[in-house]
Every structure is written in C-alpha cells, then in structure tokens.
Amino acid sequence: MPSKASRSLSVRRTSAIDAALSDIMSVSDAETTTEAVARALDLYAAWLKLQPGTTVVATGHTRRMTGV
C-alpha cells in the first residue's frame, strides 16, 4: 500500500451499486451513505484478515424495519 493513501473514495455509481447501497441502508442503522460504506469497508477488512479455514458464526443480527 502506498505510504500516502488517498483520503477520498470514489465509486462509479451503477444500478448494482445503488441497489446494494439501498439494501444496506434499509436494514442497518447507518444514517448516511458514508457511514454505510465505512462499515462495509471495516467488515470486509476484518474478513480478509481471517485465517483460511476459520469458522465464522453470525449471531444476534437485528434488522431495523422502515416504512412499516
């Protein structure tokens, strides 16, 4: 990784990106797209650090219902 990584993030908006972001925003408590993307990047970074063969168990997942 370069020693001076960019502090901005640019993502080309496509229908797939918009759909994924919409899904994330509808089931999380993220209030902004920036917050949703930051959380997704944190989760992906943690996932990449797992050792091969690691068993992952997800528990206690709660969804926020909107518009109901």
C-alpha atoms as a PDB file:
ATOM      1  CA  MET A   1       0.000   0.000   0.000  1.00  0.00           C
ATOM      2  CA  PRO A   2       1.355   3.446  -0.811  1.00  0.00           C
ATOM      3  CA  SER A   3       2.590   5.441   2.177  1.00  0.00           C
ATOM      4  CA  LYS A   4       0.221   8.296   1.322  1.00  0.00           C
ATOM      5  CA  ALA A   5      -3.106   6.612   0.640  1.00  0.00           C
ATOM      6  CA  SER A   6      -5.873   8.812  -0.690  1.00  0.00           C
ATOM      7  CA  ARG A   7      -8.346  10.016   1.919  1.00  0.00           C
ATOM      8  CA  SER A   8     -11.170  10.236  -0.577  1.00  0.00           C
ATOM      9  CA  LEU A   9     -13.078   7.380  -2.104  1.00  0.00           C
ATOM     10  CA  SER A  10     -14.715   7.484  -5.480  1.00  0.00           C
ATOM     11  CA  VAL A  11     -17.091   4.762  -6.614  1.00  0.00           C
ATOM     12  CA  ARG A  12     -18.660   4.669 -10.037  1.00  0.00           C
ATOM     13  CA  ARG A  13     -22.392   4.552  -9.456  1.00  0.00           C
ATOM     14  CA  THR A  14     -24.123   1.752 -11.260  1.00  0.00           C
ATOM     15  CA  SER A  15     -27.548   0.216 -10.800  1.00  0.00           C
ATOM     16  CA  ALA A  16     -25.915  -2.686  -8.910  1.00  0.00           C
ATOM     17  CA  ILE A  17     -24.072  -0.316  -6.539  1.00  0.00           C
ATOM     18  CA  ASP A  18     -27.222   1.737  -5.966  1.00  0.00           C
ATOM     19  CA  ALA A  19     -29.243  -1.422  -5.261  1.00  0.00           C
ATOM     20  CA  ALA A  20     -26.662  -2.776  -2.811  1.00  0.00           C
ATOM     21  CA  LEU A  21     -26.440   0.563  -1.002  1.00  0.00           C
ATOM     22  CA  SER A  22     -30.226   0.764  -0.826  1.00  0.00           C
ATOM     23  CA  ASP A  23     -30.362  -2.738   0.690  1.00  0.00           C
ATOM     24  CA  ILE A  24     -27.700  -1.874   3.274  1.00  0.00           C
ATOM     25  CA  MET A  25     -29.379   1.383   4.235  1.00  0.00           C
ATOM     26  CA  SER A  26     -32.792  -0.275   4.612  1.00  0.00           C
ATOM     27  CA  VAL A  27     -31.588  -2.954   7.050  1.00  0.00           C
ATOM     28  CA  SER A  28     -28.985  -1.033   9.044  1.00  0.00           C
ATOM     29  CA  ASP A  29     -28.973   1.965  11.307  1.00  0.00           C
ATOM     30  CA  ALA A  30     -26.468   3.800   9.108  1.00  0.00           C
ATOM     31  CA  GLU A  31     -27.743   7.327   8.640  1.00  0.00           C
ATOM     32  CA  THR A  32     -25.555   8.320   5.703  1.00  0.00           C
ATOM     33  CA  THR A  33     -24.089   6.584   2.697  1.00  0.00           C
ATOM     34  CA  THR A  34     -20.628   7.466   4.020  1.00  0.00           C
ATOM     35  CA  GLU A  35     -21.368   5.639   7.269  1.00  0.00           C
ATOM     36  CA  ALA A  36     -22.711   2.599   5.404  1.00  0.00           C
ATOM     37  CA  VAL A  37     -19.639   2.434   3.154  1.00  0.00           C
ATOM     38  CA  ALA A  38     -17.258   2.876   6.100  1.00  0.00           C
ATOM     39  CA  ARG A  39     -18.930  -0.013   7.944  1.00  0.00           C
ATOM     40  CA  ALA A  40     -18.838  -2.205   4.853  1.00  0.00           C
ATOM     41  CA  LEU A  41     -15.126  -1.494   4.383  1.00  0.00           C
ATOM     42  CA  ASP A  42     -14.417  -2.279   8.057  1.00  0.00           C
ATOM     43  CA  LEU A  43     -16.300  -5.567   7.767  1.00  0.00           C
ATOM     44  CA  TYR A  44     -14.506  -6.521   4.546  1.00  0.00           C
ATOM     45  CA  ALA A  45     -11.101  -5.658   6.041  1.00  0.00           C
ATOM     46  CA  ALA A  46     -11.829  -7.864   9.068  1.00  0.00           C
ATOM     47  CA  TRP A  47     -12.994 -10.668   6.754  1.00  0.00           C
ATOM     48  CA  LEU A  48      -9.773 -10.503   4.744  1.00  0.00           C
ATOM     49  CA  LYS A  49      -7.694 -10.811   7.930  1.00  0.00           C
ATOM     50  CA  LEU A  50      -9.277 -14.161   8.873  1.00  0.00           C
ATOM     51  CA  GLN A  51      -7.056 -17.201   8.575  1.00  0.00           C
ATOM     52  CA  PRO A  52      -8.001 -19.798   5.949  1.00  0.00           C
ATOM     53  CA  GLY A  53     -10.351 -22.398   7.419  1.00  0.00           C
ATOM     54  CA  THR A  54     -11.723 -20.059  10.088  1.00  0.00           C
ATOM     55  CA  THR A  55     -15.307 -20.864  11.038  1.00  0.00           C
ATOM     56  CA  VAL A  56     -17.481 -17.761  11.099  1.00  0.00           C
ATOM     57  CA  VAL A  57     -20.721 -17.717  13.054  1.00  0.00           C
ATOM     58  CA  ALA A  58     -23.115 -14.772  12.947  1.00  0.00           C
ATOM     59  CA  THR A  59     -25.462 -14.373  15.880  1.00  0.00           C
ATOM     60  CA  GLY A  60     -27.729 -11.700  17.226  1.00  0.00           C
ATOM     61  CA  HIS A  61     -28.357  -9.969  13.906  1.00  0.00           C
ATOM     62  CA  THR A  62     -31.192  -7.483  14.227  1.00  0.00           C
ATOM     63  CA  ARG A  63     -32.783  -5.596  11.366  1.00  0.00           C
ATOM     64  CA  ARG A  64     -34.473  -2.252  11.556  1.00  0.00           C
ATOM     65  CA  MET A  65     -37.776  -2.166   9.727  1.00  0.00           C
ATOM     66  CA  THR A  66     -38.557   1.003   7.830  1.00  0.00           C
ATOM     67  CA  GLY A  67     -41.796   2.133   6.288  1.00  0.00           C
ATOM     68  CA  VAL A  68     -43.918  -0.454   8.109  1.00  0.00           C
END
